[in-house]
Amino acid sequence: MPLIPEEPQIHESAQGPRATPASGRVAPTPRPVPGPRPAAPPRPGRPGPLRPAPPVQRTTRDAAPAKPGPTGPAAPAAAPATPQIQLIPASAEGALDAAEEAVDLLLDSGRAPGDVLVITTGESHPWAAHELSFGEAAYWAQHDARDDVFYADAAVAGRAATRAVVVVAVNGGTDAAVAAALPLALSRAGALMIVCGDPQQINAVLGVGV
């Protein structure tokens, strides 16, 4: 008998598509099922959470501009108030006592002693004469301390500073001395000047009726 060549056998280890006995179609390779996408990696150079931006500092340019006021001439500066003048009629011999009574009334009404300056046109006040016996430096040091009523002669009153109340005792002196003392005392009075003396002489010097 003639020899029939043997059919080649296909081993399972051979590579290639495997035929299905039913349809003979090649089974496709299964594709992976799509799942959730991984988070995108952070961009380089910006690790960690974002830092809040620093607050912006306002400059003068950022500030709201001031609303312009009404244009017009500037208001004039307030003129200093003129001190009130009071007259206590008294003779030259009684002017110093009248001034002392005026000072007592001022202190009793609540006026601070350091607010009062007493000027004499004639004989010095006993307090001033006593304090000057210790020297002018100690005398004017008490003036600068403003702790008590200060007494000064009209001749040196120009050195005294302004006080709220000035009391003038016209207890003598020439007409020229009185004429110089009263305007000086008025310039040193902040709110009130009390003049103890002859009304006719005082009105003639000040030029007004008080």
N, C-alpha and C. Protein backbone atom coordinates (compact mmCIF):
# COMPACT_ATOMS: atom_id res chain seq x y z
N MET A 1 0.84 -1.20 0.00
CA MET A 1 0.00 0.00 0.00
C MET A 1 0.87 1.23 0.00
N PRO A 2 0.36 2.27 -0.69
CA PRO A 2 1.18 3.50 -0.71
C PRO A 2 1.14 4.18 0.62
N LEU A 3 2.23 4.81 1.04
CA LEU A 3 2.32 5.51 2.33
C LEU A 3 1.65 6.85 2.25
N ILE A 4 0.80 7.11 3.27
CA ILE A 4 0.10 8.42 3.35
C ILE A 4 0.90 9.31 4.30
N PRO A 5 1.30 10.41 3.76
CA PRO A 5 2.11 11.29 4.67
C PRO A 5 1.28 11.76 5.86
N GLU A 6 1.93 11.78 6.98
CA GLU A 6 1.23 12.21 8.22
C GLU A 6 0.97 13.72 8.21
N GLU A 7 -0.22 14.07 8.74
CA GLU A 7 -0.56 15.50 8.82
C GLU A 7 0.24 16.15 9.94
N PRO A 8 0.70 17.30 9.68
CA PRO A 8 1.48 17.98 10.75
C PRO A 8 0.58 18.30 11.96
N GLN A 9 1.08 18.05 13.13
CA GLN A 9 0.35 18.32 14.37
C GLN A 9 0.70 19.71 14.92
N ILE A 10 -0.36 20.32 15.39
CA ILE A 10 -0.18 21.67 15.96
C ILE A 10 -0.08 21.53 17.46
N HIS A 11 1.02 21.94 18.03
CA HIS A 11 1.21 21.85 19.47
C HIS A 11 0.59 23.08 20.16
N GLU A 12 0.19 22.85 21.39
CA GLU A 12 -0.44 23.94 22.14
C GLU A 12 0.54 25.08 22.44
N SER A 13 1.81 24.80 22.46
CA SER A 13 2.79 25.84 22.77
C SER A 13 3.07 26.75 21.61
N ALA A 14 2.51 26.44 20.49
CA ALA A 14 2.78 27.27 19.31
C ALA A 14 2.08 28.60 19.46
N GLN A 15 2.75 29.63 19.00
CA GLN A 15 2.18 30.99 19.09
C GLN A 15 1.23 31.22 17.95
N GLY A 16 0.31 32.16 18.21
CA GLY A 16 -0.61 32.54 17.16
C GLY A 16 -2.02 32.50 17.66
N PRO A 17 -2.94 32.95 16.87
CA PRO A 17 -4.34 32.96 17.31
C PRO A 17 -4.90 31.56 17.33
N ARG A 18 -5.74 31.40 18.34
CA ARG A 18 -6.36 30.10 18.48
C ARG A 18 -7.75 30.16 17.87
N ALA A 19 -8.03 29.11 17.12
CA ALA A 19 -9.33 29.07 16.44
C ALA A 19 -10.36 28.48 17.35
N THR A 20 -11.49 29.11 17.38
CA THR A 20 -12.59 28.57 18.17
C THR A 20 -13.30 27.52 17.35
N PRO A 21 -13.66 26.39 17.93
CA PRO A 21 -14.27 25.32 17.14
C PRO A 21 -15.62 25.70 16.61
N ALA A 22 -16.30 26.73 17.31
CA ALA A 22 -17.67 27.00 16.88
C ALA A 22 -17.70 27.84 15.64
N SER A 23 -17.09 28.98 15.71
CA SER A 23 -17.24 29.89 14.57
C SER A 23 -16.01 29.98 13.71
N GLY A 24 -14.90 29.64 14.28
CA GLY A 24 -13.67 29.72 13.51
C GLY A 24 -13.10 31.12 13.47
N ARG A 25 -13.71 32.08 14.24
CA ARG A 25 -13.20 33.47 14.26
C ARG A 25 -12.14 33.61 15.34
N VAL A 26 -11.23 34.48 15.08
CA VAL A 26 -10.16 34.74 16.04
C VAL A 26 -10.71 35.62 17.16
N ALA A 27 -10.53 35.23 18.43
CA ALA A 27 -11.02 36.03 19.57
C ALA A 27 -10.12 37.23 19.78
N PRO A 28 -10.70 38.38 19.79
CA PRO A 28 -9.84 39.57 19.99
C PRO A 28 -9.30 39.63 21.40
N THR A 29 -8.17 40.29 21.52
CA THR A 29 -7.55 40.46 22.84
C THR A 29 -8.40 41.42 23.67
N PRO A 30 -8.78 41.05 24.90
CA PRO A 30 -9.66 41.95 25.69
C PRO A 30 -8.97 43.29 26.00
N ARG A 31 -9.74 44.40 25.85
CA ARG A 31 -9.21 45.75 26.13
C ARG A 31 -9.49 46.12 27.58
N PRO A 32 -8.61 46.84 28.17
CA PRO A 32 -8.83 47.22 29.59
C PRO A 32 -10.03 48.15 29.73
N VAL A 33 -10.77 47.93 30.80
CA VAL A 33 -11.95 48.77 31.04
C VAL A 33 -11.48 50.12 31.60
N PRO A 34 -11.97 51.20 30.98
CA PRO A 34 -11.52 52.51 31.47
C PRO A 34 -12.03 52.77 32.89
N GLY A 35 -11.17 53.28 33.76
CA GLY A 35 -11.52 53.59 35.14
C GLY A 35 -11.28 55.06 35.44
N PRO A 36 -11.33 55.41 36.68
CA PRO A 36 -11.07 56.85 37.04
C PRO A 36 -9.65 57.25 36.70
N ARG A 37 -9.55 58.48 36.17
CA ARG A 37 -8.23 58.96 35.77
C ARG A 37 -7.46 59.40 37.00
N PRO A 38 -6.19 59.06 37.03
CA PRO A 38 -5.38 59.49 38.18
C PRO A 38 -5.26 61.00 38.20
N ALA A 39 -5.14 61.53 39.42
CA ALA A 39 -5.01 63.00 39.55
C ALA A 39 -3.73 63.46 38.90
N ALA A 40 -3.84 64.64 38.29
CA ALA A 40 -2.67 65.18 37.61
C ALA A 40 -1.62 65.54 38.65
N PRO A 41 -0.40 65.21 38.39
CA PRO A 41 0.66 65.55 39.35
C PRO A 41 0.79 67.06 39.47
N PRO A 42 1.15 67.53 40.64
CA PRO A 42 1.31 69.00 40.80
C PRO A 42 2.41 69.52 39.89
N ARG A 43 2.19 70.78 39.50
CA ARG A 43 3.19 71.39 38.63
C ARG A 43 4.47 71.65 39.39
N PRO A 44 5.55 71.48 38.73
CA PRO A 44 6.82 71.71 39.43
C PRO A 44 6.97 73.17 39.81
N GLY A 45 7.60 73.37 40.96
CA GLY A 45 7.86 74.74 41.40
C GLY A 45 6.77 75.31 42.27
N ARG A 46 5.66 74.64 42.51
CA ARG A 46 4.59 75.15 43.36
C ARG A 46 4.17 74.08 44.35
N PRO A 47 5.06 73.62 45.21
CA PRO A 47 4.70 72.57 46.16
C PRO A 47 3.75 73.09 47.23
N GLY A 48 2.88 72.23 47.70
CA GLY A 48 2.02 72.57 48.82
C GLY A 48 0.88 73.48 48.41
N PRO A 49 0.05 73.83 49.39
CA PRO A 49 -1.11 74.70 49.09
C PRO A 49 -0.67 76.11 48.77
N LEU A 50 -1.52 76.81 48.10
CA LEU A 50 -1.20 78.18 47.72
C LEU A 50 -1.19 79.08 48.95
N ARG A 51 -0.20 79.97 49.04
CA ARG A 51 -0.11 80.91 50.15
C ARG A 51 -0.98 82.13 49.83
N PRO A 52 -1.69 82.63 50.85
CA PRO A 52 -2.52 83.81 50.56
C PRO A 52 -1.66 85.01 50.23
N ALA A 53 -2.16 85.79 49.32
CA ALA A 53 -1.39 86.97 48.91
C ALA A 53 -1.35 87.98 50.05
N PRO A 54 -0.21 88.64 50.26
CA PRO A 54 -0.11 89.63 51.35
C PRO A 54 -1.05 90.78 51.09
N PRO A 55 -1.57 91.39 52.17
CA PRO A 55 -2.48 92.53 51.97
C PRO A 55 -1.78 93.69 51.31
N VAL A 56 -2.51 94.34 50.48
CA VAL A 56 -1.95 95.48 49.76
C VAL A 56 -1.94 96.69 50.67
N GLN A 57 -0.79 97.30 50.81
CA GLN A 57 -0.67 98.49 51.66
C GLN A 57 -1.16 99.70 50.89
N ARG A 58 -2.03 100.45 51.59
CA ARG A 58 -2.56 101.65 50.96
C ARG A 58 -1.55 102.79 51.07
N THR A 59 -1.38 103.46 50.02
CA THR A 59 -0.49 104.62 50.02
C THR A 59 -1.35 105.87 49.98
N THR A 60 -0.67 106.96 50.00
CA THR A 60 -1.41 108.22 49.97
C THR A 60 -2.18 108.36 48.66
N ARG A 61 -1.71 107.70 47.61
CA ARG A 61 -2.46 107.76 46.37
C ARG A 61 -3.74 106.97 46.44
N ASP A 62 -3.70 105.83 47.23
CA ASP A 62 -4.89 105.01 47.34
C ASP A 62 -5.95 105.65 48.21
N ALA A 63 -5.54 106.55 49.13
CA ALA A 63 -6.50 107.16 50.04
C ALA A 63 -7.50 107.99 49.26
N ALA A 64 -8.71 108.01 49.78
CA ALA A 64 -9.75 108.76 49.11
C ALA A 64 -9.41 110.24 49.17
N PRO A 65 -9.51 110.92 48.08
CA PRO A 65 -9.16 112.35 48.10
C PRO A 65 -10.15 113.12 48.94
N ALA A 66 -9.62 114.10 49.66
CA ALA A 66 -10.47 114.93 50.51
C ALA A 66 -11.40 115.75 49.64
N LYS A 67 -12.63 115.88 50.11
CA LYS A 67 -13.59 116.65 49.35
C LYS A 67 -13.22 118.12 49.44
N PRO A 68 -13.16 118.76 48.31
CA PRO A 68 -12.80 120.19 48.37
C PRO A 68 -13.88 120.98 49.06
N GLY A 69 -13.45 121.87 49.92
CA GLY A 69 -14.40 122.72 50.63
C GLY A 69 -14.79 123.90 49.76
N PRO A 70 -15.72 124.65 50.24
CA PRO A 70 -16.14 125.82 49.46
C PRO A 70 -15.01 126.82 49.34
N THR A 71 -14.85 127.29 48.17
CA THR A 71 -13.80 128.27 47.93
C THR A 71 -14.26 129.64 48.40
N GLY A 72 -13.31 130.40 48.83
CA GLY A 72 -13.64 131.73 49.30
C GLY A 72 -12.51 132.27 50.13
N PRO A 73 -12.62 133.48 50.57
CA PRO A 73 -11.53 134.06 51.39
C PRO A 73 -11.41 133.34 52.72
N ALA A 74 -10.19 133.19 53.20
CA ALA A 74 -9.95 132.51 54.46
C ALA A 74 -10.53 133.33 55.61
N ALA A 75 -11.05 132.58 56.60
CA ALA A 75 -11.65 133.27 57.75
C ALA A 75 -10.55 133.96 58.55
N PRO A 76 -10.76 135.17 58.97
CA PRO A 76 -9.72 135.87 59.75
C PRO A 76 -9.55 135.22 61.11
N ALA A 77 -8.34 135.28 61.61
CA ALA A 77 -8.05 134.71 62.93
C ALA A 77 -8.79 135.50 64.00
N ALA A 78 -9.25 134.73 65.00
CA ALA A 78 -10.01 135.38 66.07
C ALA A 78 -9.11 136.33 66.85
N ALA A 79 -9.60 137.52 67.04
CA ALA A 79 -8.82 138.52 67.78
C ALA A 79 -8.84 138.17 69.26
N PRO A 80 -7.73 138.40 69.95
CA PRO A 80 -7.71 138.10 71.38
C PRO A 80 -8.74 138.94 72.13
N ALA A 81 -9.37 138.32 73.10
CA ALA A 81 -10.41 139.02 73.85
C ALA A 81 -9.78 140.11 74.71
N THR A 82 -10.45 141.26 74.75
CA THR A 82 -9.98 142.37 75.57
C THR A 82 -10.33 142.10 77.03
N PRO A 83 -9.39 142.25 77.95
CA PRO A 83 -9.69 141.99 79.37
C PRO A 83 -10.76 142.95 79.88
N GLN A 84 -11.57 142.46 80.77
CA GLN A 84 -12.56 143.30 81.43
C GLN A 84 -11.87 144.18 82.46
N ILE A 85 -12.36 145.40 82.60
CA ILE A 85 -11.77 146.35 83.54
C ILE A 85 -12.79 146.70 84.62
N GLN A 86 -12.38 146.55 85.85
CA GLN A 86 -13.22 146.94 86.98
C GLN A 86 -12.49 148.01 87.81
N LEU A 87 -13.25 148.97 88.31
CA LEU A 87 -12.69 150.06 89.11
C LEU A 87 -13.25 150.01 90.52
N ILE A 88 -12.34 150.04 91.48
CA ILE A 88 -12.73 150.13 92.89
C ILE A 88 -12.26 151.50 93.39
N PRO A 89 -13.18 152.42 93.60
CA PRO A 89 -12.76 153.75 94.07
C PRO A 89 -12.03 153.68 95.41
N ALA A 90 -10.90 154.33 95.48
CA ALA A 90 -10.13 154.36 96.72
C ALA A 90 -9.15 155.51 96.65
N SER A 91 -8.81 156.01 97.82
CA SER A 91 -7.79 157.05 97.90
C SER A 91 -6.42 156.40 97.73
N ALA A 92 -5.41 157.24 97.56
CA ALA A 92 -4.06 156.70 97.43
C ALA A 92 -3.65 155.95 98.69
N GLU A 93 -4.13 156.45 99.87
CA GLU A 93 -3.77 155.78 101.12
C GLU A 93 -4.53 154.46 101.31
N GLY A 94 -5.71 154.35 100.74
CA GLY A 94 -6.49 153.13 100.93
C GLY A 94 -6.48 152.19 99.74
N ALA A 95 -5.70 152.53 98.70
CA ALA A 95 -5.70 151.71 97.49
C ALA A 95 -5.11 150.32 97.75
N LEU A 96 -4.08 150.25 98.60
CA LEU A 96 -3.45 148.96 98.86
C LEU A 96 -4.39 148.03 99.63
N ASP A 97 -5.12 148.60 100.60
CA ASP A 97 -6.08 147.78 101.34
C ASP A 97 -7.22 147.31 100.43
N ALA A 98 -7.65 148.19 99.52
CA ALA A 98 -8.71 147.80 98.59
C ALA A 98 -8.23 146.69 97.66
N ALA A 99 -6.97 146.75 97.26
CA ALA A 99 -6.43 145.69 96.41
C ALA A 99 -6.36 144.36 97.16
N GLU A 100 -6.01 144.42 98.46
CA GLU A 100 -5.97 143.20 99.26
C GLU A 100 -7.36 142.57 99.38
N GLU A 101 -8.37 143.43 99.57
CA GLU A 101 -9.73 142.91 99.66
C GLU A 101 -10.17 142.29 98.33
N ALA A 102 -9.75 142.90 97.22
CA ALA A 102 -10.10 142.35 95.90
C ALA A 102 -9.44 140.98 95.70
N VAL A 103 -8.20 140.86 96.16
CA VAL A 103 -7.52 139.56 96.04
C VAL A 103 -8.22 138.50 96.88
N ASP A 104 -8.62 138.87 98.09
CA ASP A 104 -9.33 137.91 98.95
C ASP A 104 -10.63 137.44 98.30
N LEU A 105 -11.36 138.37 97.68
CA LEU A 105 -12.60 137.99 97.01
C LEU A 105 -12.34 137.06 95.83
N LEU A 106 -11.27 137.32 95.11
CA LEU A 106 -10.92 136.45 93.98
C LEU A 106 -10.61 135.03 94.45
N LEU A 107 -9.83 134.92 95.51
CA LEU A 107 -9.46 133.60 96.00
C LEU A 107 -10.68 132.88 96.60
N ASP A 108 -11.55 133.64 97.27
CA ASP A 108 -12.75 133.03 97.84
C ASP A 108 -13.70 132.53 96.75
N SER A 109 -13.68 133.18 95.60
CA SER A 109 -14.56 132.77 94.50
C SER A 109 -14.01 131.58 93.71
N GLY A 110 -12.82 131.11 94.09
CA GLY A 110 -12.25 129.94 93.42
C GLY A 110 -11.09 130.22 92.50
N ARG A 111 -10.71 131.46 92.38
CA ARG A 111 -9.57 131.79 91.53
C ARG A 111 -8.29 131.26 92.16
N ALA A 112 -7.43 130.62 91.35
CA ALA A 112 -6.17 130.08 91.86
C ALA A 112 -5.22 131.22 92.20
N PRO A 113 -4.45 131.10 93.29
CA PRO A 113 -3.51 132.18 93.65
C PRO A 113 -2.52 132.49 92.54
N GLY A 114 -2.09 131.47 91.81
CA GLY A 114 -1.12 131.70 90.74
C GLY A 114 -1.68 132.46 89.56
N ASP A 115 -2.99 132.71 89.56
CA ASP A 115 -3.62 133.46 88.47
C ASP A 115 -3.64 134.96 88.72
N VAL A 116 -3.15 135.40 89.86
CA VAL A 116 -3.32 136.80 90.27
C VAL A 116 -1.96 137.49 90.36
N LEU A 117 -1.89 138.67 89.77
CA LEU A 117 -0.71 139.54 89.84
C LEU A 117 -1.16 140.88 90.40
N VAL A 118 -0.44 141.39 91.38
CA VAL A 118 -0.77 142.68 91.99
C VAL A 118 0.37 143.65 91.69
N ILE A 119 0.01 144.81 91.15
CA ILE A 119 0.99 145.83 90.80
C ILE A 119 0.70 147.08 91.63
N THR A 120 1.75 147.64 92.22
CA THR A 120 1.61 148.87 92.99
C THR A 120 2.34 150.00 92.27
N THR A 121 1.72 151.17 92.27
CA THR A 121 2.34 152.33 91.60
C THR A 121 3.15 153.19 92.55
N GLY A 122 2.92 153.04 93.86
CA GLY A 122 3.66 153.85 94.84
C GLY A 122 4.53 152.95 95.70
N GLU A 123 4.25 152.93 96.98
CA GLU A 123 5.06 152.14 97.90
C GLU A 123 4.90 150.65 97.60
N SER A 124 6.00 149.90 97.75
CA SER A 124 5.97 148.47 97.47
C SER A 124 5.05 147.75 98.46
N HIS A 125 4.47 146.66 98.00
CA HIS A 125 3.67 145.82 98.89
C HIS A 125 4.61 145.18 99.91
N PRO A 126 4.18 145.02 101.17
CA PRO A 126 5.06 144.43 102.18
C PRO A 126 5.60 143.06 101.79
N TRP A 127 4.82 142.25 101.10
CA TRP A 127 5.32 140.93 100.69
C TRP A 127 6.49 141.08 99.73
N ALA A 128 6.35 141.99 98.73
CA ALA A 128 7.41 142.18 97.75
C ALA A 128 8.68 142.69 98.42
N ALA A 129 8.52 143.64 99.35
CA ALA A 129 9.70 144.17 100.04
C ALA A 129 10.39 143.07 100.85
N HIS A 130 9.60 142.21 101.46
CA HIS A 130 10.20 141.12 102.26
C HIS A 130 10.94 140.12 101.37
N GLU A 131 10.33 139.72 100.26
CA GLU A 131 10.95 138.71 99.40
C GLU A 131 12.18 139.26 98.69
N LEU A 132 12.16 140.53 98.34
CA LEU A 132 13.32 141.11 97.68
C LEU A 132 14.51 141.20 98.63
N SER A 133 14.27 141.14 99.93
CA SER A 133 15.39 141.16 100.88
C SER A 133 16.24 139.90 100.76
N PHE A 134 15.72 138.85 100.15
CA PHE A 134 16.49 137.62 99.94
C PHE A 134 17.18 137.59 98.57
N GLY A 135 17.01 138.66 97.83
CA GLY A 135 17.65 138.73 96.52
C GLY A 135 16.63 138.61 95.40
N GLU A 136 16.97 139.22 94.27
CA GLU A 136 16.06 139.22 93.13
C GLU A 136 15.87 137.82 92.53
N ALA A 137 16.92 136.99 92.60
CA ALA A 137 16.80 135.65 92.01
C ALA A 137 15.71 134.85 92.71
N ALA A 138 15.72 134.89 94.04
CA ALA A 138 14.70 134.16 94.79
C ALA A 138 13.32 134.79 94.59
N TYR A 139 13.29 136.10 94.46
CA TYR A 139 12.03 136.81 94.26
C TYR A 139 11.37 136.40 92.95
N TRP A 140 12.13 136.45 91.85
CA TRP A 140 11.56 136.11 90.54
C TRP A 140 11.36 134.61 90.37
N ALA A 141 12.08 133.82 91.16
CA ALA A 141 11.83 132.37 91.11
C ALA A 141 10.42 132.06 91.58
N GLN A 142 9.94 132.81 92.57
CA GLN A 142 8.56 132.60 93.02
C GLN A 142 7.57 133.05 91.96
N HIS A 143 7.93 134.08 91.21
CA HIS A 143 7.08 134.49 90.09
C HIS A 143 6.96 133.39 89.05
N ASP A 144 8.10 132.79 88.73
CA ASP A 144 8.08 131.75 87.71
C ASP A 144 7.37 130.48 88.19
N ALA A 145 7.39 130.22 89.48
CA ALA A 145 6.73 129.03 90.02
C ALA A 145 5.21 129.14 89.92
N ARG A 146 4.68 130.33 89.94
CA ARG A 146 3.23 130.56 89.82
C ARG A 146 2.44 129.77 90.86
N ASP A 147 2.98 129.70 92.07
CA ASP A 147 2.30 128.98 93.15
C ASP A 147 1.44 129.89 94.01
N ASP A 148 1.66 131.20 93.92
CA ASP A 148 0.95 132.11 94.83
C ASP A 148 0.75 133.45 94.13
N VAL A 149 0.00 134.30 94.79
CA VAL A 149 -0.18 135.67 94.30
C VAL A 149 1.19 136.35 94.26
N PHE A 150 1.44 137.07 93.18
CA PHE A 150 2.74 137.73 93.05
C PHE A 150 2.52 139.23 93.07
N TYR A 151 3.39 139.93 93.84
CA TYR A 151 3.30 141.37 94.00
C TYR A 151 4.55 142.00 93.38
N ALA A 152 4.33 143.06 92.61
CA ALA A 152 5.45 143.71 91.93
C ALA A 152 5.21 145.21 91.85
N ASP A 153 6.30 145.96 91.91
CA ASP A 153 6.21 147.39 91.69
C ASP A 153 5.99 147.67 90.20
N ALA A 154 5.38 148.79 89.91
CA ALA A 154 5.13 149.15 88.52
C ALA A 154 6.44 149.29 87.74
N ALA A 155 7.52 149.66 88.42
CA ALA A 155 8.79 149.87 87.73
C ALA A 155 9.36 148.57 87.16
N VAL A 156 9.03 147.44 87.79
CA VAL A 156 9.58 146.15 87.33
C VAL A 156 8.48 145.22 86.80
N ALA A 157 7.25 145.71 86.71
CA ALA A 157 6.13 144.86 86.28
C ALA A 157 6.25 144.43 84.84
N GLY A 158 7.05 145.13 84.07
CA GLY A 158 7.23 144.72 82.67
C GLY A 158 7.89 143.36 82.55
N ARG A 159 8.57 142.93 83.60
CA ARG A 159 9.22 141.61 83.59
C ARG A 159 8.24 140.49 83.93
N ALA A 160 7.10 140.85 84.48
CA ALA A 160 6.13 139.84 84.89
C ALA A 160 5.41 139.26 83.68
N ALA A 161 5.05 137.99 83.80
CA ALA A 161 4.33 137.31 82.74
C ALA A 161 2.84 137.57 82.86
N THR A 162 2.11 137.26 81.81
CA THR A 162 0.66 137.45 81.80
C THR A 162 -0.01 136.51 82.80
N ARG A 163 -0.96 137.04 83.54
CA ARG A 163 -1.79 136.24 84.43
C ARG A 163 -3.25 136.57 84.17
N ALA A 164 -4.12 135.66 84.60
CA ALA A 164 -5.53 135.84 84.29
C ALA A 164 -6.09 137.13 84.85
N VAL A 165 -5.69 137.48 86.07
CA VAL A 165 -6.21 138.68 86.73
C VAL A 165 -5.04 139.54 87.20
N VAL A 166 -5.12 140.81 86.92
CA VAL A 166 -4.12 141.78 87.40
C VAL A 166 -4.86 142.81 88.24
N VAL A 167 -4.38 143.01 89.44
CA VAL A 167 -4.94 144.01 90.35
C VAL A 167 -3.92 145.14 90.48
N VAL A 168 -4.36 146.35 90.22
CA VAL A 168 -3.49 147.52 90.30
C VAL A 168 -3.91 148.37 91.49
N ALA A 169 -2.95 148.62 92.36
CA ALA A 169 -3.19 149.52 93.49
C ALA A 169 -2.52 150.85 93.17
N VAL A 170 -3.34 151.87 92.85
CA VAL A 170 -2.79 153.20 92.56
C VAL A 170 -2.60 153.88 93.91
N ASN A 171 -1.50 153.48 94.56
CA ASN A 171 -1.25 153.95 95.93
C ASN A 171 -0.18 155.05 95.98
N GLY A 172 -0.09 155.80 94.92
CA GLY A 172 0.88 156.90 94.89
C GLY A 172 1.61 156.89 93.56
N GLY A 173 2.72 157.60 93.57
CA GLY A 173 3.50 157.71 92.35
C GLY A 173 3.05 158.90 91.53
N THR A 174 3.88 159.31 90.62
CA THR A 174 3.58 160.46 89.78
C THR A 174 2.52 160.09 88.75
N ASP A 175 1.95 161.12 88.15
CA ASP A 175 0.96 160.87 87.10
C ASP A 175 1.58 160.12 85.94
N ALA A 176 2.85 160.43 85.66
CA ALA A 176 3.52 159.72 84.57
C ALA A 176 3.70 158.23 84.90
N ALA A 177 4.00 157.94 86.18
CA ALA A 177 4.16 156.55 86.58
C ALA A 177 2.84 155.79 86.49
N VAL A 178 1.78 156.46 86.90
CA VAL A 178 0.46 155.82 86.81
C VAL A 178 0.06 155.64 85.35
N ALA A 179 0.35 156.66 84.53
CA ALA A 179 0.00 156.57 83.11
C ALA A 179 0.74 155.44 82.42
N ALA A 180 1.94 155.12 82.89
CA ALA A 180 2.69 154.01 82.30
C ALA A 180 2.27 152.67 82.89
N ALA A 181 1.85 152.65 84.15
CA ALA A 181 1.54 151.40 84.84
C ALA A 181 0.24 150.78 84.36
N LEU A 182 -0.78 151.63 84.12
CA LEU A 182 -2.08 151.07 83.77
C LEU A 182 -2.09 150.36 82.41
N PRO A 183 -1.55 150.96 81.34
CA PRO A 183 -1.52 150.21 80.08
C PRO A 183 -0.66 148.94 80.18
N LEU A 184 0.42 149.00 80.97
CA LEU A 184 1.25 147.81 81.15
C LEU A 184 0.47 146.71 81.87
N ALA A 185 -0.26 147.11 82.91
CA ALA A 185 -1.06 146.13 83.64
C ALA A 185 -2.13 145.52 82.74
N LEU A 186 -2.73 146.33 81.89
CA LEU A 186 -3.75 145.82 80.98
C LEU A 186 -3.18 144.80 80.00
N SER A 187 -1.92 145.03 79.59
CA SER A 187 -1.30 144.08 78.66
C SER A 187 -0.94 142.76 79.33
N ARG A 188 -0.86 142.77 80.66
CA ARG A 188 -0.52 141.55 81.40
C ARG A 188 -1.76 140.81 81.88
N ALA A 189 -2.92 141.41 81.72
CA ALA A 189 -4.16 140.79 82.19
C ALA A 189 -4.75 139.89 81.11
N GLY A 190 -4.99 138.63 81.47
CA GLY A 190 -5.57 137.73 80.49
C GLY A 190 -7.07 137.85 80.39
N ALA A 191 -7.76 138.07 81.52
CA ALA A 191 -9.22 138.13 81.50
C ALA A 191 -9.78 139.34 82.23
N LEU A 192 -9.10 139.78 83.28
CA LEU A 192 -9.66 140.83 84.12
C LEU A 192 -8.57 141.71 84.70
N MET A 193 -8.83 143.04 84.71
CA MET A 193 -7.96 143.98 85.41
C MET A 193 -8.80 144.77 86.40
N ILE A 194 -8.39 144.77 87.64
CA ILE A 194 -9.08 145.51 88.70
C ILE A 194 -8.16 146.66 89.13
N VAL A 195 -8.68 147.87 89.07
CA VAL A 195 -7.90 149.05 89.41
C VAL A 195 -8.49 149.68 90.67
N CYS A 196 -7.65 149.84 91.67
CA CYS A 196 -8.07 150.45 92.93
C CYS A 196 -7.40 151.83 93.03
N GLY A 197 -8.20 152.88 92.98
CA GLY A 197 -7.62 154.21 93.04
C GLY A 197 -8.65 155.27 92.76
N ASP A 198 -8.15 156.46 92.43
CA ASP A 198 -9.00 157.61 92.16
C ASP A 198 -9.65 157.44 90.79
N PRO A 199 -10.99 157.41 90.69
CA PRO A 199 -11.65 157.18 89.40
C PRO A 199 -11.31 158.23 88.35
N GLN A 200 -11.23 159.52 88.74
CA GLN A 200 -10.92 160.55 87.77
C GLN A 200 -9.53 160.35 87.16
N GLN A 201 -8.58 160.06 88.00
CA GLN A 201 -7.21 159.84 87.51
C GLN A 201 -7.16 158.62 86.60
N ILE A 202 -7.83 157.57 86.99
CA ILE A 202 -7.78 156.31 86.21
C ILE A 202 -8.48 156.51 84.88
N ASN A 203 -9.62 157.15 84.87
CA ASN A 203 -10.34 157.36 83.60
C ASN A 203 -9.56 158.26 82.67
N ALA A 204 -8.85 159.24 83.23
CA ALA A 204 -8.05 160.13 82.40
C ALA A 204 -6.89 159.38 81.75
N VAL A 205 -6.34 158.42 82.48
CA VAL A 205 -5.20 157.65 81.93
C VAL A 205 -5.68 156.65 80.88
N LEU A 206 -6.72 155.90 81.19
CA LEU A 206 -7.20 154.86 80.27
C LEU A 206 -7.98 155.45 79.10
N GLY A 207 -8.53 156.64 79.26
CA GLY A 207 -9.26 157.25 78.17
C GLY A 207 -10.68 156.74 78.02
N VAL A 208 -11.14 155.91 78.94
CA VAL A 208 -12.51 155.40 78.90
C VAL A 208 -13.07 155.46 80.30
N GLY A 209 -14.38 155.46 80.39
CA GLY A 209 -15.03 155.45 81.69
C GLY A 209 -15.17 154.04 82.21
N VAL A 210 -14.62 153.76 83.37
CA VAL A 210 -14.72 152.42 83.96
C VAL A 210 -15.36 152.52 85.34
